[in-house]
Amino acid sequence: MSKRLQVLVPEDEYAEIQETARRCRLTVAEWVRQTMREALGSMSPSADPDTARLRAIAEASQHEFPTADIDEMLRDIETGRLAS
């Protein structure tokens, strides 16, 4: 059986929630349900911190970030700054 949950939020927060749900192509209700499930899962006392760390590393590895030798990156940054 489902239960109704009513939460009052300021208008500006609600507008932000609406926009986020729209970008995710979800209703506000579904976006809130999914977000609450994620929050419950991450806050569970039985959640293994190592699993959370591994999940964060796996998610981060899906992104492409520029990489280079740190000295080379700093030189490039400084060169760009001087050229401006």
C-alpha atoms as a PDB file:
ATOM      1  CA  MET A   1       0.000   0.000   0.000  1.00  0.00           C
ATOM      2  CA  SER A   2       1.267   3.475  -0.839  1.00  0.00           C
ATOM      3  CA  LYS A   3       1.242   6.399   1.566  1.00  0.00           C
ATOM      4  CA  ARG A   4       0.966  10.057   0.693  1.00  0.00           C
ATOM      5  CA  LEU A   5       3.817  12.312   1.840  1.00  0.00           C
ATOM      6  CA  GLN A   6       3.366  16.067   1.757  1.00  0.00           C
ATOM      7  CA  VAL A   7       6.414  18.292   1.988  1.00  0.00           C
ATOM      8  CA  LEU A   8       6.256  22.064   1.888  1.00  0.00           C
ATOM      9  CA  VAL A   9       9.120  23.812   0.108  1.00  0.00           C
ATOM     10  CA  PRO A  10       9.678  27.460  -0.786  1.00  0.00           C
ATOM     11  CA  GLU A  11       8.521  28.458  -4.276  1.00  0.00           C
ATOM     12  CA  ASP A  12      12.057  28.992  -5.572  1.00  0.00           C
ATOM     13  CA  GLU A  13      13.122  25.502  -4.454  1.00  0.00           C
ATOM     14  CA  TYR A  14      10.018  23.995  -6.036  1.00  0.00           C
ATOM     15  CA  ALA A  15      10.803  25.753  -9.318  1.00  0.00           C
ATOM     16  CA  GLU A  16      14.312  24.285  -9.212  1.00  0.00           C
ATOM     17  CA  ILE A  17      12.901  20.809  -8.500  1.00  0.00           C
ATOM     18  CA  GLN A  18      10.443  21.185 -11.394  1.00  0.00           C
ATOM     19  CA  GLU A  19      13.220  22.216 -13.782  1.00  0.00           C
ATOM     20  CA  THR A  20      15.466  19.351 -12.668  1.00  0.00           C
ATOM     21  CA  ALA A  21      12.640  16.836 -13.079  1.00  0.00           C
ATOM     22  CA  ARG A  22      11.844  18.259 -16.522  1.00  0.00           C
ATOM     23  CA  ARG A  23      15.486  17.912 -17.611  1.00  0.00           C
ATOM     24  CA  CYS A  24      15.418  14.290 -16.401  1.00  0.00           C
ATOM     25  CA  ARG A  25      12.125  13.791 -18.298  1.00  0.00           C
ATOM     26  CA  LEU A  26      10.370  12.777 -15.084  1.00  0.00           C
ATOM     27  CA  THR A  27       7.366  14.047 -13.210  1.00  0.00           C
ATOM     28  CA  VAL A  28       8.161  15.927 -10.032  1.00  0.00           C
ATOM     29  CA  ALA A  29       6.686  13.048  -8.021  1.00  0.00           C
ATOM     30  CA  GLU A  30       8.872  10.429  -9.737  1.00  0.00           C
ATOM     31  CA  TRP A  31      11.977  12.590  -9.434  1.00  0.00           C
ATOM     32  CA  VAL A  32      11.316  13.039  -5.706  1.00  0.00           C
ATOM     33  CA  ARG A  33      10.738   9.275  -5.238  1.00  0.00           C
ATOM     34  CA  GLN A  34      13.969   8.401  -7.042  1.00  0.00           C
ATOM     35  CA  THR A  35      15.937  11.039  -5.162  1.00  0.00           C
ATOM     36  CA  MET A  36      14.579   9.822  -1.829  1.00  0.00           C
ATOM     37  CA  ARG A  37      15.475   6.205  -2.691  1.00  0.00           C
ATOM     38  CA  GLU A  38      19.024   7.269  -3.549  1.00  0.00           C
ATOM     39  CA  ALA A  39      19.303   9.240  -0.308  1.00  0.00           C
ATOM     40  CA  LEU A  40      17.992   6.338   1.757  1.00  0.00           C
ATOM     41  CA  GLY A  41      20.441   3.961   0.110  1.00  0.00           C
ATOM     42  CA  SER A  42      23.420   6.221   0.723  1.00  0.00           C
ATOM     43  CA  MET A  43      22.466   6.936   4.332  1.00  0.00           C
ATOM     44  CA  SER A  44      21.814   3.353   5.313  1.00  0.00           C
ATOM     45  CA  PRO A  45      23.898   2.392   8.371  1.00  0.00           C
ATOM     46  CA  SER A  46      24.534  -0.959   6.724  1.00  0.00           C
ATOM     47  CA  ALA A  47      25.965   0.699   3.613  1.00  0.00           C
ATOM     48  CA  ASP A  48      29.571  -0.347   3.177  1.00  0.00           C
ATOM     49  CA  PRO A  49      31.799   2.761   2.907  1.00  0.00           C
ATOM     50  CA  ASP A  50      34.217   0.862   0.665  1.00  0.00           C
ATOM     51  CA  THR A  51      31.375   0.090  -1.745  1.00  0.00           C
ATOM     52  CA  ALA A  52      30.402   3.761  -1.820  1.00  0.00           C
ATOM     53  CA  ARG A  53      34.009   4.747  -2.535  1.00  0.00           C
ATOM     54  CA  LEU A  54      34.304   2.197  -5.314  1.00  0.00           C
ATOM     55  CA  ARG A  55      31.024   3.380  -6.804  1.00  0.00           C
ATOM     56  CA  ALA A  56      32.274   6.996  -6.726  1.00  0.00           C
ATOM     57  CA  ILE A  57      35.515   5.972  -8.442  1.00  0.00           C
ATOM     58  CA  ALA A  58      33.594   4.017 -11.087  1.00  0.00           C
ATOM     59  CA  GLU A  59      31.322   6.987 -11.763  1.00  0.00           C
ATOM     60  CA  ALA A  60      34.267   9.395 -11.945  1.00  0.00           C
ATOM     61  CA  SER A  61      36.082   7.126 -14.383  1.00  0.00           C
ATOM     62  CA  GLN A  62      33.214   7.562 -16.857  1.00  0.00           C
ATOM     63  CA  HIS A  63      34.191  11.214 -17.353  1.00  0.00           C
ATOM     64  CA  GLU A  64      36.943  12.504 -19.581  1.00  0.00           C
ATOM     65  CA  PHE A  65      39.126  15.126 -17.954  1.00  0.00           C
ATOM     66  CA  PRO A  66      42.293  16.667 -19.367  1.00  0.00           C
ATOM     67  CA  THR A  67      45.415  15.050 -18.022  1.00  0.00           C
ATOM     68  CA  ALA A  68      49.072  15.909 -18.312  1.00  0.00           C
ATOM     69  CA  ASP A  69      52.189  16.235 -16.263  1.00  0.00           C
ATOM     70  CA  ILE A  70      51.449  18.763 -13.488  1.00  0.00           C
ATOM     71  CA  ASP A  71      54.398  20.983 -14.441  1.00  0.00           C
ATOM     72  CA  GLU A  72      53.219  21.026 -18.069  1.00  0.00           C
ATOM     73  CA  MET A  73      49.645  21.890 -17.014  1.00  0.00           C
ATOM     74  CA  LEU A  74      50.842  24.724 -14.781  1.00  0.00           C
ATOM     75  CA  ARG A  75      53.016  26.082 -17.614  1.00  0.00           C
ATOM     76  CA  ASP A  76      50.022  25.958 -20.005  1.00  0.00           C
ATOM     77  CA  ILE A  77      47.818  27.740 -17.471  1.00  0.00           C
ATOM     78  CA  GLU A  78      50.398  30.450 -16.916  1.00  0.00           C
ATOM     79  CA  THR A  79      50.959  30.839 -20.661  1.00  0.00           C
ATOM     80  CA  GLY A  80      47.216  31.256 -21.188  1.00  0.00           C
ATOM     81  CA  ARG A  81      47.007  33.763 -18.364  1.00  0.00           C
ATOM     82  CA  LEU A  82      49.880  35.846 -19.791  1.00  0.00           C
ATOM     83  CA  ALA A  83      48.348  35.756 -23.286  1.00  0.00           C
ATOM     84  CA  SER A  84      45.060  37.296 -22.051  1.00  0.00           C
END
